[in-house]
Amino acid sequence: MRSTPRLRLRHFTATPGATSHAAWVERPWPSIGALYRTTPHEPFAASAVSLLLGDIIVHRADFTAQRWVRDADLIAANDPGEMTVAMTLAGRAAGVMGDRPFRTGPGSVHFVDLSQPSRHDSSASRTILLSVTRTVAAESGIDVAALHGVVVRSAA
């Protein structure tokens, strides 16, 4: 008999300041804070809600502007085995995922393979992230590595 996935909800809010950035960075997965080396471009503030449902994690996050870097050292130290689909509701980001330059904005969707490097700068933003294990994605026929950095723009 198949068991019902456990439903868990996590919430995090940080008000502007260096202490709040450190608290966010130190949170374990499913927080993305520990997965990136981030440098705030303005006083850091964040609000995030994560819904964990079996193999699927849904995040809704608001962040102030910052630089995000995921390099080989961070990947070796902390690879949650996930791919993420990020839907930008507000804000913009630009950088490189692997060797693919990318730009996002309101209405765009982009794909991230957390086993690959990336770096980007973002404005203050509101994003919904859907995360699933690379194994589940691959078993569903998704080529996670090939999608890293692909951006789909809204027709609107």
C-alpha atoms as a PDB file:
ATOM      1  CA  MET A   1       0.000   0.000   0.000  1.00  0.00           C
ATOM      2  CA  ARG A   2       1.322   3.416  -0.938  1.00  0.00           C
ATOM      3  CA  SER A   3       1.739   5.757   2.001  1.00  0.00           C
ATOM      4  CA  THR A   4       0.406   9.291   1.972  1.00  0.00           C
ATOM      5  CA  PRO A   5       3.205  11.884   1.812  1.00  0.00           C
ATOM      6  CA  ARG A   6       3.659  13.927   4.954  1.00  0.00           C
ATOM      7  CA  LEU A   7       2.675  17.541   4.572  1.00  0.00           C
ATOM      8  CA  ARG A   8       4.917  20.077   6.318  1.00  0.00           C
ATOM      9  CA  LEU A   9       4.896  23.859   6.252  1.00  0.00           C
ATOM     10  CA  ARG A  10       7.909  26.056   7.132  1.00  0.00           C
ATOM     11  CA  HIS A  11       8.005  29.828   7.346  1.00  0.00           C
ATOM     12  CA  PHE A  12      10.870  32.315   7.618  1.00  0.00           C
ATOM     13  CA  THR A  13      10.849  36.100   7.883  1.00  0.00           C
ATOM     14  CA  ALA A  14      13.927  38.311   8.206  1.00  0.00           C
ATOM     15  CA  THR A  15      13.882  42.036   8.707  1.00  0.00           C
ATOM     16  CA  PRO A  16      16.664  44.194   7.217  1.00  0.00           C
ATOM     17  CA  GLY A  17      20.131  43.763   8.688  1.00  0.00           C
ATOM     18  CA  ALA A  18      23.272  41.631   8.700  1.00  0.00           C
ATOM     19  CA  THR A  19      21.966  39.336  11.460  1.00  0.00           C
ATOM     20  CA  SER A  20      18.926  38.373   9.401  1.00  0.00           C
ATOM     21  CA  HIS A  21      21.121  37.490   6.403  1.00  0.00           C
ATOM     22  CA  ALA A  22      23.296  35.228   8.570  1.00  0.00           C
ATOM     23  CA  ALA A  23      20.188  33.528  10.027  1.00  0.00           C
ATOM     24  CA  TRP A  24      18.797  32.902   6.538  1.00  0.00           C
ATOM     25  CA  VAL A  25      22.102  31.530   5.182  1.00  0.00           C
ATOM     26  CA  GLU A  26      22.375  29.074   8.078  1.00  0.00           C
ATOM     27  CA  ARG A  27      18.944  27.483   7.545  1.00  0.00           C
ATOM     28  CA  PRO A  28      19.151  23.922   6.170  1.00  0.00           C
ATOM     29  CA  TRP A  29      17.373  22.572   3.082  1.00  0.00           C
ATOM     30  CA  PRO A  30      14.678  23.177   1.976  1.00  0.00           C
ATOM     31  CA  SER A  31      15.866  26.753   2.508  1.00  0.00           C
ATOM     32  CA  ILE A  32      17.941  27.865  -0.473  1.00  0.00           C
ATOM     33  CA  GLY A  33      20.041  30.102   1.792  1.00  0.00           C
ATOM     34  CA  ALA A  34      22.723  27.477   2.408  1.00  0.00           C
ATOM     35  CA  LEU A  35      22.908  26.504  -1.265  1.00  0.00           C
ATOM     36  CA  TYR A  36      24.281  29.840  -2.476  1.00  0.00           C
ATOM     37  CA  ARG A  37      26.932  32.325  -1.466  1.00  0.00           C
ATOM     38  CA  THR A  38      24.876  35.503  -1.397  1.00  0.00           C
ATOM     39  CA  THR A  39      25.877  39.135  -1.111  1.00  0.00           C
ATOM     40  CA  PRO A  40      23.056  41.588  -0.446  1.00  0.00           C
ATOM     41  CA  HIS A  41      22.958  44.701  -2.663  1.00  0.00           C
ATOM     42  CA  GLU A  42      20.830  46.494  -0.052  1.00  0.00           C
ATOM     43  CA  PRO A  43      19.820  45.829   3.570  1.00  0.00           C
ATOM     44  CA  PHE A  44      18.759  42.182   3.519  1.00  0.00           C
ATOM     45  CA  ALA A  45      15.160  41.174   4.118  1.00  0.00           C
ATOM     46  CA  ALA A  46      13.364  37.955   3.217  1.00  0.00           C
ATOM     47  CA  SER A  47      10.106  36.177   3.693  1.00  0.00           C
ATOM     48  CA  ALA A  48       9.664  32.569   2.626  1.00  0.00           C
ATOM     49  CA  VAL A  49       7.104  29.832   3.033  1.00  0.00           C
ATOM     50  CA  SER A  50       7.956  26.238   2.081  1.00  0.00           C
ATOM     51  CA  LEU A  51       5.385  23.502   1.626  1.00  0.00           C
ATOM     52  CA  LEU A  52       6.921  20.017   1.713  1.00  0.00           C
ATOM     53  CA  LEU A  53       4.760  17.319   0.164  1.00  0.00           C
ATOM     54  CA  GLY A  54       6.608  14.050  -0.361  1.00  0.00           C
ATOM     55  CA  ASP A  55       9.054  14.456  -3.269  1.00  0.00           C
ATOM     56  CA  ILE A  56       7.763  17.931  -4.136  1.00  0.00           C
ATOM     57  CA  ILE A  57       8.628  21.189  -2.386  1.00  0.00           C
ATOM     58  CA  VAL A  58       6.874  24.456  -3.167  1.00  0.00           C
ATOM     59  CA  HIS A  59       8.457  27.710  -1.975  1.00  0.00           C
ATOM     60  CA  ARG A  60       7.071  31.226  -2.134  1.00  0.00           C
ATOM     61  CA  ALA A  61       9.819  33.745  -1.443  1.00  0.00           C
ATOM     62  CA  ASP A  62      10.329  37.513  -1.315  1.00  0.00           C
ATOM     63  CA  PHE A  63      13.927  38.790  -1.241  1.00  0.00           C
ATOM     64  CA  THR A  64      15.730  42.078  -1.406  1.00  0.00           C
ATOM     65  CA  ALA A  65      18.335  42.522  -4.167  1.00  0.00           C
ATOM     66  CA  GLN A  66      21.454  40.374  -3.957  1.00  0.00           C
ATOM     67  CA  ARG A  67      24.172  38.446  -5.811  1.00  0.00           C
ATOM     68  CA  TRP A  68      23.785  34.642  -5.842  1.00  0.00           C
ATOM     69  CA  VAL A  69      26.741  32.282  -6.492  1.00  0.00           C
ATOM     70  CA  ARG A  70      26.671  28.481  -6.541  1.00  0.00           C
ATOM     71  CA  ASP A  71      30.144  27.122  -7.284  1.00  0.00           C
ATOM     72  CA  ALA A  72      31.908  23.743  -7.187  1.00  0.00           C
ATOM     73  CA  ASP A  73      32.784  24.096  -3.482  1.00  0.00           C
ATOM     74  CA  LEU A  74      29.163  24.771  -2.501  1.00  0.00           C
ATOM     75  CA  ILE A  75      27.891  21.966  -4.728  1.00  0.00           C
ATOM     76  CA  ALA A  76      30.344  19.502  -3.140  1.00  0.00           C
ATOM     77  CA  ALA A  77      29.390  20.657   0.365  1.00  0.00           C
ATOM     78  CA  ASN A  78      25.635  20.846  -0.124  1.00  0.00           C
ATOM     79  CA  ASP A  79      23.856  19.151  -3.023  1.00  0.00           C
ATOM     80  CA  PRO A  80      20.256  18.385  -2.078  1.00  0.00           C
ATOM     81  CA  GLY A  81      19.804  16.321  -5.270  1.00  0.00           C
ATOM     82  CA  GLU A  82      17.117  18.658  -6.583  1.00  0.00           C
ATOM     83  CA  MET A  83      16.074  20.547  -9.664  1.00  0.00           C
ATOM     84  CA  THR A  84      14.064  23.744  -9.290  1.00  0.00           C
ATOM     85  CA  VAL A  85      11.568  25.444 -11.548  1.00  0.00           C
ATOM     86  CA  ALA A  86      11.409  29.154 -10.625  1.00  0.00           C
ATOM     87  CA  MET A  87       8.467  31.340 -11.597  1.00  0.00           C
ATOM     88  CA  THR A  88       9.225  35.055 -11.305  1.00  0.00           C
ATOM     89  CA  LEU A  89       6.228  37.071 -10.148  1.00  0.00           C
ATOM     90  CA  ALA A  90       8.107  40.342  -9.550  1.00  0.00           C
ATOM     91  CA  GLY A  91      11.712  41.456 -10.004  1.00  0.00           C
ATOM     92  CA  ARG A  92      14.493  40.530 -12.385  1.00  0.00           C
ATOM     93  CA  ALA A  93      17.642  38.426 -12.458  1.00  0.00           C
ATOM     94  CA  ALA A  94      20.547  38.092 -14.888  1.00  0.00           C
ATOM     95  CA  GLY A  95      23.645  35.933 -14.894  1.00  0.00           C
ATOM     96  CA  VAL A  96      25.028  32.597 -16.045  1.00  0.00           C
ATOM     97  CA  MET A  97      23.875  29.055 -15.269  1.00  0.00           C
ATOM     98  CA  GLY A  98      26.589  26.613 -16.236  1.00  0.00           C
ATOM     99  CA  ASP A  99      27.746  28.272 -19.450  1.00  0.00           C
ATOM    100  CA  ARG A 100      24.287  29.597 -20.419  1.00  0.00           C
ATOM    101  CA  PRO A 101      23.602  33.327 -19.968  1.00  0.00           C
ATOM    102  CA  PHE A 102      20.087  34.013 -18.722  1.00  0.00           C
ATOM    103  CA  ARG A 103      17.678  36.835 -17.850  1.00  0.00           C
ATOM    104  CA  THR A 104      14.381  36.572 -16.010  1.00  0.00           C
ATOM    105  CA  GLY A 105      11.558  38.984 -15.316  1.00  0.00           C
ATOM    106  CA  PRO A 106       7.919  38.981 -14.289  1.00  0.00           C
ATOM    107  CA  GLY A 107       6.087  36.107 -15.953  1.00  0.00           C
ATOM    108  CA  SER A 108       9.204  34.088 -16.784  1.00  0.00           C
ATOM    109  CA  VAL A 109       9.944  30.531 -15.690  1.00  0.00           C
ATOM    110  CA  HIS A 110      13.479  29.184 -15.445  1.00  0.00           C
ATOM    111  CA  PHE A 111      15.016  25.819 -14.667  1.00  0.00           C
ATOM    112  CA  VAL A 112      17.868  25.204 -12.219  1.00  0.00           C
ATOM    113  CA  ASP A 113      19.878  22.003 -11.752  1.00  0.00           C
ATOM    114  CA  LEU A 114      21.342  22.434  -8.268  1.00  0.00           C
ATOM    115  CA  SER A 115      24.201  20.047  -9.152  1.00  0.00           C
ATOM    116  CA  GLN A 116      25.571  22.660 -11.589  1.00  0.00           C
ATOM    117  CA  PRO A 117      27.211  26.048 -10.990  1.00  0.00           C
ATOM    118  CA  SER A 118      25.461  29.368 -11.421  1.00  0.00           C
ATOM    119  CA  ARG A 119      25.878  33.037 -10.606  1.00  0.00           C
ATOM    120  CA  HIS A 120      23.470  35.897 -10.980  1.00  0.00           C
ATOM    121  CA  ASP A 121      22.365  39.264  -9.634  1.00  0.00           C
ATOM    122  CA  SER A 122      18.741  39.839  -8.766  1.00  0.00           C
ATOM    123  CA  SER A 123      16.634  42.847  -7.948  1.00  0.00           C
ATOM    124  CA  ALA A 124      14.171  42.657  -5.090  1.00  0.00           C
ATOM    125  CA  SER A 125      11.878  39.831  -6.148  1.00  0.00           C
ATOM    126  CA  ARG A 126       8.898  37.610  -5.483  1.00  0.00           C
ATOM    127  CA  THR A 127       9.277  34.057  -6.759  1.00  0.00           C
ATOM    128  CA  ILE A 128       7.524  30.712  -6.574  1.00  0.00           C
ATOM    129  CA  LEU A 129       9.912  27.757  -6.705  1.00  0.00           C
ATOM    130  CA  LEU A 130       8.921  24.166  -7.347  1.00  0.00           C
ATOM    131  CA  SER A 131      11.611  21.644  -6.387  1.00  0.00           C
ATOM    132  CA  VAL A 132      11.731  17.936  -7.150  1.00  0.00           C
ATOM    133  CA  THR A 133      14.564  15.429  -6.884  1.00  0.00           C
ATOM    134  CA  ARG A 134      16.669  14.962  -9.991  1.00  0.00           C
ATOM    135  CA  THR A 135      15.910  11.224  -9.737  1.00  0.00           C
ATOM    136  CA  VAL A 136      12.138  11.758  -9.891  1.00  0.00           C
ATOM    137  CA  ALA A 137      12.555  14.256 -12.752  1.00  0.00           C
ATOM    138  CA  ALA A 138      14.797  11.838 -14.717  1.00  0.00           C
ATOM    139  CA  GLU A 139      12.382   8.958 -14.136  1.00  0.00           C
ATOM    140  CA  SER A 140       9.691  11.198 -15.652  1.00  0.00           C
ATOM    141  CA  GLY A 141      11.799  11.720 -18.802  1.00  0.00           C
ATOM    142  CA  ILE A 142      13.178  15.163 -17.919  1.00  0.00           C
ATOM    143  CA  ASP A 143      16.804  15.892 -18.884  1.00  0.00           C
ATOM    144  CA  VAL A 144      17.637  18.008 -15.831  1.00  0.00           C
ATOM    145  CA  ALA A 145      21.192  18.913 -16.896  1.00  0.00           C
ATOM    146  CA  ALA A 146      20.047  20.115 -20.332  1.00  0.00           C
ATOM    147  CA  LEU A 147      17.407  22.406 -18.805  1.00  0.00           C
ATOM    148  CA  HIS A 148      19.834  24.206 -16.458  1.00  0.00           C
ATOM    149  CA  GLY A 149      19.437  27.922 -17.171  1.00  0.00           C
ATOM    150  CA  VAL A 150      16.632  27.604 -19.737  1.00  0.00           C
ATOM    151  CA  VAL A 151      14.170  30.502 -19.436  1.00  0.00           C
ATOM    152  CA  VAL A 152      10.621  30.434 -20.789  1.00  0.00           C
ATOM    153  CA  ARG A 153       8.981  33.828 -21.121  1.00  0.00           C
ATOM    154  CA  SER A 154       5.325  34.636 -20.728  1.00  0.00           C
ATOM    155  CA  ALA A 155       3.453  35.459 -23.931  1.00  0.00           C
ATOM    156  CA  ALA A 156       1.755  38.362 -22.127  1.00  0.00           C
END
